[in-house]
Protein backbone atom coordinates (compact mmCIF):
# COMPACT_ATOMS: atom_id res chain seq x y z
CA MET A 1 -42.10 47.02 -25.38
CA GLN A 2 -40.40 45.17 -22.53
CA LEU A 3 -40.31 41.47 -21.73
CA GLU A 4 -42.09 42.06 -18.41
CA ASP A 5 -45.14 43.30 -20.36
CA PHE A 6 -45.73 39.65 -21.25
CA MET A 7 -45.83 38.79 -17.52
CA ARG A 8 -48.68 41.16 -16.63
CA TYR A 9 -51.38 38.51 -16.16
CA GLN A 10 -48.99 36.13 -14.43
CA ASP A 11 -48.43 38.83 -11.81
CA LEU A 12 -52.19 39.26 -11.36
CA VAL A 13 -52.57 35.53 -10.71
CA CYS A 14 -49.74 35.65 -8.17
CA GLN A 15 -51.47 38.50 -6.34
CA ALA A 16 -54.79 36.62 -6.30
CA ALA A 17 -53.33 33.67 -4.35
CA GLN A 18 -50.39 35.56 -2.77
CA LEU A 19 -47.93 33.39 -4.66
CA PRO A 20 -44.33 34.67 -4.65
CA ARG A 21 -43.66 36.76 -7.74
CA PHE A 22 -41.05 35.67 -10.28
CA ASP A 23 -38.24 38.23 -10.63
CA TRP A 24 -35.17 38.51 -12.83
CA ASN A 25 -32.36 40.98 -13.44
CA GLY A 26 -34.00 42.85 -16.31
CA ARG A 27 -37.28 43.46 -14.50
CA ARG A 28 -37.98 47.17 -14.04
CA SER A 29 -41.07 47.17 -11.84
CA LEU A 30 -40.48 47.30 -8.10
CA LYS A 31 -40.75 44.08 -6.18
CA ASN A 32 -43.95 43.77 -4.18
CA ASN A 33 -42.76 42.43 -0.83
CA ARG A 34 -45.29 40.16 0.86
CA ASN A 35 -45.98 40.95 4.49
CA LEU A 36 -46.75 38.40 7.17
CA ALA A 37 -50.52 38.49 6.53
CA LYS A 38 -50.08 37.75 2.83
CA ARG A 39 -47.68 34.92 3.57
CA MET A 40 -50.14 33.42 6.05
CA ILE A 41 -52.94 33.62 3.46
CA PHE A 42 -50.80 31.74 0.94
CA TRP A 43 -49.70 29.07 3.41
CA PHE A 44 -53.23 28.61 4.71
CA GLY A 45 -54.41 27.95 1.16
CA ALA A 46 -51.44 25.70 0.37
CA VAL A 47 -51.95 23.60 3.51
CA ASN A 48 -55.66 23.24 2.72
CA LEU A 49 -54.78 22.20 -0.83
CA VAL A 50 -52.46 19.48 0.44
CA TYR A 51 -55.09 18.34 2.95
CA HIS A 52 -57.73 18.30 0.20
CA ASN A 53 -55.96 15.30 -1.34
CA PHE A 54 -56.19 13.39 1.92
CA GLY A 55 -59.79 14.51 2.50
CA CYS A 56 -60.94 13.23 -0.88
CA ILE A 57 -59.32 9.84 -0.28
CA MET A 58 -60.90 9.54 3.15
CA TYR A 59 -64.33 10.54 1.81
CA ALA A 60 -64.11 7.83 -0.85
CA TYR A 61 -63.12 5.32 1.84
CA TYR A 62 -66.09 6.23 4.05
CA ALA A 63 -68.56 6.53 1.15
CA ASP A 64 -71.91 4.83 1.71
CA ARG A 65 -71.95 1.56 -0.24
CA SER A 66 -75.48 0.59 0.80
CA THR A 67 -77.25 2.74 -1.79
CA LYS A 68 -79.95 1.00 -3.78
CA ASP A 69 -78.65 2.21 -7.13
CA PRO A 70 -74.99 1.25 -7.70
CA MET A 71 -74.73 3.94 -10.39
CA ASP A 72 -75.26 6.61 -7.72
CA TYR A 73 -72.34 5.16 -5.77
CA ILE A 74 -70.17 5.10 -8.93
CA ALA A 75 -71.19 8.68 -9.72
CA GLU A 76 -70.18 9.80 -6.24
CA LEU A 77 -66.81 8.07 -6.56
CA ALA A 78 -66.34 9.60 -10.02
CA SER A 79 -66.99 13.06 -8.59
CA VAL A 80 -64.52 12.51 -5.75
CA GLY A 81 -61.95 11.02 -8.13
CA ALA A 82 -62.22 14.00 -10.49
CA MET A 83 -61.71 16.45 -7.62
CA LEU A 84 -58.78 14.37 -6.41
CA GLY A 85 -57.28 14.67 -9.88
CA PHE A 86 -57.62 18.48 -9.67
CA THR A 87 -55.95 18.66 -6.28
CA ILE A 88 -53.14 16.27 -7.29
CA VAL A 89 -52.33 18.30 -10.42
CA GLY A 90 -52.45 21.55 -8.42
CA THR A 91 -50.34 20.21 -5.55
CA LEU A 92 -47.67 18.74 -7.84
CA ASN A 93 -47.55 21.90 -9.96
CA LEU A 94 -47.17 24.01 -6.82
CA TRP A 95 -44.32 21.78 -5.66
CA LYS A 96 -42.53 21.96 -9.02
CA LEU A 97 -42.97 25.74 -9.33
CA TRP A 98 -41.61 26.20 -5.81
CA THR A 99 -38.57 23.97 -6.32
CA LEU A 100 -37.82 25.18 -9.87
CA LYS A 101 -38.39 28.89 -9.18
CA PRO A 102 -34.65 29.78 -9.33
CA ASN A 103 -34.25 27.85 -12.62
CA ILE A 104 -37.31 29.53 -14.13
CA GLU A 105 -36.09 32.98 -13.08
CA LYS A 106 -32.66 32.26 -14.61
CA LEU A 107 -34.37 31.15 -17.83
CA ILE A 108 -36.48 34.33 -17.94
CA ASP A 109 -33.29 36.33 -17.39
CA ASP A 110 -31.73 34.66 -20.44
CA PHE A 111 -34.87 35.37 -22.46
CA GLU A 112 -34.53 39.01 -21.38
CA GLU A 113 -31.11 39.18 -23.02
CA LEU A 114 -32.40 37.44 -26.14
CA PHE A 115 -35.42 39.77 -26.25
CA GLN A 116 -33.14 42.79 -26.73
CA ILE A 117 -32.46 41.53 -30.27
CA THR A 118 -36.10 42.16 -31.18
CA LYS A 119 -35.63 45.90 -30.57
CA ARG A 120 -32.86 46.20 -33.15
CA ARG A 121 -34.31 44.08 -35.95
CA PRO A 122 -37.65 43.81 -37.78
CA TYR A 123 -39.53 41.44 -35.45
CA ARG A 124 -43.30 41.16 -35.17
CA SER A 125 -43.26 41.40 -31.39
CA HIS A 126 -46.35 43.61 -31.17
CA HIS A 127 -48.37 41.20 -33.31
CA TYR A 128 -47.47 38.26 -31.08
CA TYR A 129 -47.99 40.31 -27.93
CA GLU A 130 -51.52 41.32 -28.91
CA SER A 131 -52.62 37.79 -29.82
CA TYR A 132 -50.97 36.35 -26.70
CA THR A 133 -52.51 38.97 -24.38
CA ARG A 134 -55.98 38.58 -25.87
CA PHE A 135 -55.82 34.80 -25.47
CA ILE A 136 -54.71 34.68 -21.84
CA ARG A 137 -57.04 37.53 -20.86
CA ASN A 138 -60.01 35.46 -22.05
CA LEU A 139 -58.63 32.47 -20.14
CA LEU A 140 -58.31 34.54 -16.97
CA ILE A 141 -61.92 35.74 -17.25
CA PHE A 142 -63.18 32.16 -17.64
CA PHE A 143 -61.14 30.83 -14.71
CA THR A 144 -62.27 33.75 -12.51
CA LEU A 145 -65.93 33.00 -13.22
CA THR A 146 -65.28 29.33 -12.46
CA ILE A 147 -63.67 30.10 -9.09
CA ALA A 148 -66.55 32.43 -8.18
CA TYR A 149 -69.25 29.87 -9.03
CA TYR A 150 -67.42 26.98 -7.36
CA ASN A 151 -67.02 28.82 -4.07
CA ALA A 152 -70.50 30.35 -4.13
CA LEU A 153 -72.30 27.06 -4.88
CA PRO A 154 -72.68 25.89 -1.22
CA ILE A 155 -74.20 29.22 -0.18
CA ILE A 156 -76.49 29.25 -3.24
CA LEU A 157 -77.72 25.72 -2.51
CA MET A 158 -78.27 26.45 1.18
CA THR A 159 -80.15 29.68 0.39
CA ARG A 160 -82.39 27.85 -2.07
CA GLU A 161 -83.09 25.13 0.49
CA LEU A 162 -83.94 27.70 3.18
CA LEU A 163 -86.45 29.34 0.86
CA THR A 164 -88.29 26.10 0.22
CA GLU A 165 -91.22 25.03 2.40
CA SER A 166 -89.45 22.01 3.91
CA GLN A 167 -86.30 24.01 4.80
CA LYS A 168 -84.30 20.77 4.86
CA LEU A 169 -80.61 21.60 4.57
CA SER A 170 -78.20 19.23 2.81
CA TYR A 171 -74.96 21.02 3.91
CA ARG A 172 -73.25 20.42 0.55
CA LEU A 173 -69.66 21.60 0.29
CA GLN A 174 -67.90 22.68 -2.90
CA SER A 175 -66.57 19.14 -3.26
CA SER A 176 -67.12 15.90 -1.34
CA THR A 177 -64.34 15.93 1.24
CA TRP A 178 -63.87 14.41 4.69
CA TYR A 179 -63.07 16.73 7.61
CA PRO A 180 -62.20 15.76 11.20
CA TRP A 181 -65.01 17.96 12.57
CA GLN A 182 -68.79 17.75 12.25
CA PHE A 183 -70.21 20.00 9.55
CA GLN A 184 -73.44 18.13 8.76
CA GLY A 185 -76.11 19.89 10.84
CA SER A 186 -73.65 22.45 12.20
CA ILE A 187 -73.65 25.92 10.65
CA PRO A 188 -70.25 26.97 12.16
CA GLY A 189 -68.60 23.69 11.11
CA PHE A 190 -70.13 24.00 7.66
CA LEU A 191 -68.89 27.57 7.18
CA VAL A 192 -65.37 26.65 8.33
CA ALA A 193 -65.30 23.79 5.81
CA VAL A 194 -66.55 26.13 3.05
CA VAL A 195 -63.80 28.66 3.86
CA CYS A 196 -61.12 25.93 3.88
CA GLN A 197 -62.24 24.64 0.50
CA GLY A 198 -62.43 28.19 -0.82
CA PHE A 199 -58.79 28.86 0.02
CA SER A 200 -57.82 25.44 -1.37
CA CYS A 201 -59.64 26.18 -4.63
CA GLN A 202 -58.07 29.64 -4.87
CA VAL A 203 -54.52 28.31 -4.58
CA ASN A 204 -55.23 25.24 -6.72
CA LEU A 205 -56.69 27.06 -9.71
CA CYS A 206 -54.23 29.97 -9.44
CA VAL A 207 -51.35 27.47 -9.60
CA LEU A 208 -52.92 25.78 -12.62
CA ILE A 209 -53.48 29.14 -14.33
CA PHE A 210 -50.01 30.38 -13.48
CA SER A 211 -48.27 27.24 -14.78
CA GLN A 212 -50.33 27.43 -17.99
CA PHE A 213 -49.53 31.13 -18.42
CA LEU A 214 -45.82 30.38 -17.93
CA VAL A 215 -45.93 27.74 -20.67
CA SER A 216 -47.71 30.28 -22.91
CA PHE A 217 -45.13 32.94 -22.04
CA PHE A 218 -42.15 30.79 -23.01
CA GLY A 219 -44.00 29.47 -26.05
CA ILE A 220 -44.74 32.95 -27.39
CA GLN A 221 -41.14 34.05 -26.83
CA LEU A 222 -39.85 31.08 -28.83
CA GLU A 223 -42.39 31.81 -31.56
CA ILE A 224 -41.15 35.40 -31.77
CA HIS A 225 -37.53 34.28 -32.18
CA PHE A 226 -38.27 31.52 -34.70
CA ASP A 227 -40.33 33.97 -36.73
CA GLY A 228 -37.57 36.58 -36.45
CA LEU A 229 -34.98 34.06 -37.63
CA ALA A 230 -37.10 33.23 -40.68
CA ARG A 231 -37.60 36.91 -41.52
CA GLN A 232 -33.87 37.58 -41.30
CA LEU A 233 -33.15 34.65 -43.59
CA GLU A 234 -35.61 36.05 -46.12
CA ALA A 235 -34.00 39.50 -45.94
CA ILE A 236 -30.34 38.43 -46.21
CA ASP A 237 -28.67 39.08 -49.57
CA ALA A 238 -26.13 36.40 -50.55
CA ARG A 239 -24.31 38.91 -52.83
CA HIS A 240 -23.60 41.30 -49.97
CA PRO A 241 -19.96 41.34 -48.72
CA ASN A 242 -21.12 40.80 -45.14
CA ALA A 243 -23.46 37.94 -46.04
CA LYS A 244 -21.18 35.29 -44.53
CA ASP A 245 -20.87 37.16 -41.24
CA GLN A 246 -24.64 37.55 -41.12
CA MET A 247 -25.09 33.83 -41.78
CA LYS A 248 -22.65 32.96 -38.98
CA SER A 249 -24.62 35.09 -36.54
CA LEU A 250 -27.90 33.47 -37.66
CA ILE A 251 -26.43 29.99 -37.10
CA ARG A 252 -25.42 30.99 -33.58
CA TYR A 253 -28.85 32.53 -33.07
CA GLN A 254 -30.57 29.34 -34.22
CA LYS A 255 -28.47 27.25 -31.86
CA GLU A 256 -29.32 29.56 -28.96
CA ILE A 257 -33.06 29.31 -29.72
CA PHE A 258 -32.87 25.51 -29.72
CA ASN A 259 -30.98 25.54 -26.41
CA MET A 260 -33.60 27.81 -24.83
CA ALA A 261 -36.43 25.62 -26.14
CA ASP A 262 -34.74 22.52 -24.69
CA ARG A 263 -34.42 24.21 -21.30
CA VAL A 264 -38.12 25.12 -21.33
CA ASN A 265 -39.00 21.54 -22.24
CA GLU A 266 -36.81 20.21 -19.43
CA ILE A 267 -38.42 22.48 -16.83
CA PHE A 268 -41.99 21.67 -17.84
CA ASN A 269 -41.54 17.97 -18.55
CA PHE A 270 -43.23 17.06 -15.28
CA THR A 271 -46.09 19.52 -15.86
CA PHE A 272 -46.73 18.10 -19.33
CA PHE A 273 -46.69 14.55 -18.00
CA ILE A 274 -49.06 14.91 -15.05
CA SER A 275 -51.46 17.14 -17.00
CA LEU A 276 -51.85 14.77 -19.93
CA SER A 277 -51.92 11.57 -17.87
CA ILE A 278 -54.31 12.65 -15.10
CA SER A 279 -56.65 14.50 -17.46
CA VAL A 280 -57.54 11.24 -19.23
CA THR A 281 -59.31 9.75 -16.20
CA CYS A 282 -60.56 13.05 -14.77
CA THR A 283 -62.20 14.12 -18.04
CA SER A 284 -64.17 10.87 -18.29
CA SER A 285 -65.10 11.03 -14.57
CA LEU A 286 -66.36 14.61 -14.86
CA ALA A 287 -68.33 13.82 -18.01
CA PHE A 288 -69.99 10.92 -16.19
CA SER A 289 -70.75 13.10 -13.16
CA VAL A 290 -72.40 15.74 -15.35
CA THR A 291 -74.96 13.17 -16.54
CA MET A 292 -75.74 11.84 -13.04
CA PHE A 293 -76.33 14.90 -10.79
CA ASP A 294 -78.94 17.66 -10.66
CA LEU A 295 -78.48 21.13 -12.14
CA GLY A 296 -76.30 22.81 -9.50
CA PRO A 297 -73.63 20.10 -9.06
CA ALA A 298 -73.89 19.20 -12.75
CA LEU A 299 -73.00 22.79 -13.70
CA LYS A 300 -70.06 22.64 -11.27
CA HIS A 301 -68.82 19.44 -12.93
CA THR A 302 -69.33 21.05 -16.34
CA PHE A 303 -67.04 23.91 -15.32
CA GLY A 304 -64.51 21.37 -14.04
CA LEU A 305 -64.70 19.47 -17.32
CA LEU A 306 -64.15 22.68 -19.28
CA ILE A 307 -61.17 23.58 -17.07
CA PHE A 308 -59.43 20.29 -17.85
CA LEU A 309 -60.29 20.50 -21.56
CA ILE A 310 -59.15 24.12 -21.87
CA TYR A 311 -56.06 23.63 -19.69
CA ASN A 312 -54.73 20.76 -21.80
CA PHE A 313 -55.86 22.37 -25.04
CA CYS A 314 -53.91 25.55 -24.26
CA MET A 315 -50.79 23.56 -23.41
CA CYS A 316 -51.00 21.48 -26.58
CA ARG A 317 -51.92 24.57 -28.61
CA ASN A 318 -48.70 26.26 -27.48
CA GLY A 319 -46.73 23.21 -28.58
CA THR A 320 -48.44 23.18 -31.98
CA HIS A 321 -47.84 26.90 -32.53
CA LEU A 322 -44.18 26.33 -31.69
CA ILE A 323 -44.05 23.60 -34.34
CA PHE A 324 -45.57 25.96 -36.92
CA ALA A 325 -43.18 28.79 -35.99
CA SER A 326 -40.06 26.60 -36.20
CA ASP A 327 -41.30 25.18 -39.50
CA LYS A 328 -40.94 28.62 -41.12
CA VAL A 329 -37.13 28.52 -40.96
CA LEU A 330 -36.45 25.90 -43.64
CA PRO A 331 -38.59 27.50 -46.42
CA ALA A 332 -37.13 30.92 -45.58
CA ALA A 333 -33.60 29.54 -45.97
CA PHE A 334 -34.44 27.66 -49.17
CA TYR A 335 -36.03 30.65 -50.95
CA ASN A 336 -33.07 32.84 -50.10
CA ASN A 337 -30.89 33.77 -53.08
CA TRP A 338 -28.26 31.28 -51.95
CA TYR A 339 -27.31 30.46 -55.55
CA GLU A 340 -25.71 33.91 -55.82
CA GLY A 341 -23.47 33.39 -52.81
CA ASP A 342 -20.01 31.85 -52.74
CA LEU A 343 -19.20 28.29 -51.68
CA ALA A 344 -18.53 29.18 -48.01
CA TYR A 345 -21.87 30.95 -47.73
CA ARG A 346 -23.74 28.01 -49.23
CA LYS A 347 -22.04 25.56 -46.84
CA MET A 348 -23.08 27.63 -43.84
CA LEU A 349 -26.62 27.89 -45.17
CA LEU A 350 -26.67 24.11 -45.59
CA ILE A 351 -25.73 23.66 -41.91
CA LEU A 352 -28.60 25.91 -40.88
CA MET A 353 -31.03 24.07 -43.18
CA MET A 354 -29.98 20.66 -41.84
CA ARG A 355 -30.80 21.83 -38.30
CA ALA A 356 -34.17 23.10 -39.50
CA THR A 357 -35.11 19.96 -41.44
CA LYS A 358 -37.55 18.91 -38.72
CA PRO A 359 -39.69 21.38 -36.76
CA TYR A 360 -38.98 21.76 -33.07
CA ILE A 361 -41.37 19.74 -30.89
CA TRP A 362 -41.87 19.83 -27.14
CA ARG A 363 -42.08 16.28 -25.79
CA THR A 364 -43.19 14.75 -22.51
CA TYR A 365 -39.98 13.11 -21.28
CA LYS A 366 -39.02 12.60 -24.96
CA LEU A 367 -42.10 10.44 -25.52
CA ALA A 368 -45.46 11.97 -26.44
CA PRO A 369 -45.31 15.27 -28.35
CA VAL A 370 -47.07 18.26 -26.81
CA SER A 371 -49.38 18.99 -29.72
CA ILE A 372 -53.01 19.00 -30.78
CA THR A 373 -52.55 15.46 -32.07
CA THR A 374 -51.76 14.22 -28.56
CA TYR A 375 -54.64 16.28 -27.18
CA MET A 376 -57.09 14.59 -29.56
CA ALA A 377 -55.69 11.19 -28.60
CA THR A 378 -56.33 11.88 -24.89
CA LEU A 379 -59.87 13.05 -25.69
CA LYS A 380 -60.53 9.90 -27.66
CA PHE A 381 -59.34 7.67 -24.83
CA SER A 382 -61.36 9.67 -22.27
CA TYR A 383 -64.49 9.27 -24.37
CA GLN A 384 -63.92 5.53 -24.60
CA MET A 385 -63.67 5.34 -20.80
CA PHE A 386 -66.83 7.44 -20.45
CA THR A 387 -68.87 5.24 -22.81
CA CYS A 388 -67.56 2.12 -21.07
CA VAL A 389 -68.83 3.31 -17.67
CA ARG A 390 -72.12 4.55 -19.11
CA SER A 391 -72.74 1.17 -20.72
CA LEU A 392 -72.81 -0.43 -17.25
CA LYS A 393 -76.07 1.33 -16.43
């Protein structure tokens, strides 16, 4: 097994949106050079994603305030605000991935060197690989279905309206966005707007998926090494003549794992922050929109709600699994036959145990931990916001 086997689905996501592939020194597969057409497809989607932020703001500014029911106006603003949250998270993640690409590739290169240890010692790499692959494959299937439904919704609605007796067309786009050309009542203008939003959605969701898969990739690598450290501590024999040399190497190994985990946390600090902060308002807005629109748009908002819930859940799940994996080290060191070792061995073991006293935790700029506890706190606050808006009806 090679480290690049863990990057299989990340590469598929890059190909879907023509994102530049992440490469490192230990990668064996040939680099897939993007031609001019592929680069233009990516930049067309990226430009439309950036414009989508401006279009949502302008649509909210020009929204009709003269509606008889103020809840309809609030629902429309909630829908626009939720979509704006999506585009902001996608745009900022794209910017961070683009600017931090060299740092991420250097980090993967260092993980490649560390991964070679797993081939010489009894690690459970295959077990972690299977669970990791199964999890992100299911995520990829769900996100693919979401992209397909989101982009097909305008055509589905227009086809249904054409088949009705009145044949009155509403010209609904994937999301409420302002464009500088006329698309209401104009089939060519409508189709151009649908294509622009389709490319924007493709890049947006692919960036979200890719950033989430990267977090999962680094998380599973750290889990493998924390688990391997615990297994080596359980297997070491304090009576063996080389026990002290083995303990020295394990102390260095533990320090290297902590350094790698800190570097991952530093790279994804911004991703953790914007995902957890923006999801609070967007989740409540999407939940409110689901209860206010008819079946087609309501199903679209339901998919959007599930995307935010699953996206943040996966991120916090990775942080929690990392906590559990790092928490294995201290019991493994304690139940070692340390009492049969000499004084120098026991002092070195004590240093390792002091470092492992607390489990390793990813934190958002050293504040909120990236864990299921934080995820539940954001859900609770989102539900409070949702009930507050619903009570105004």
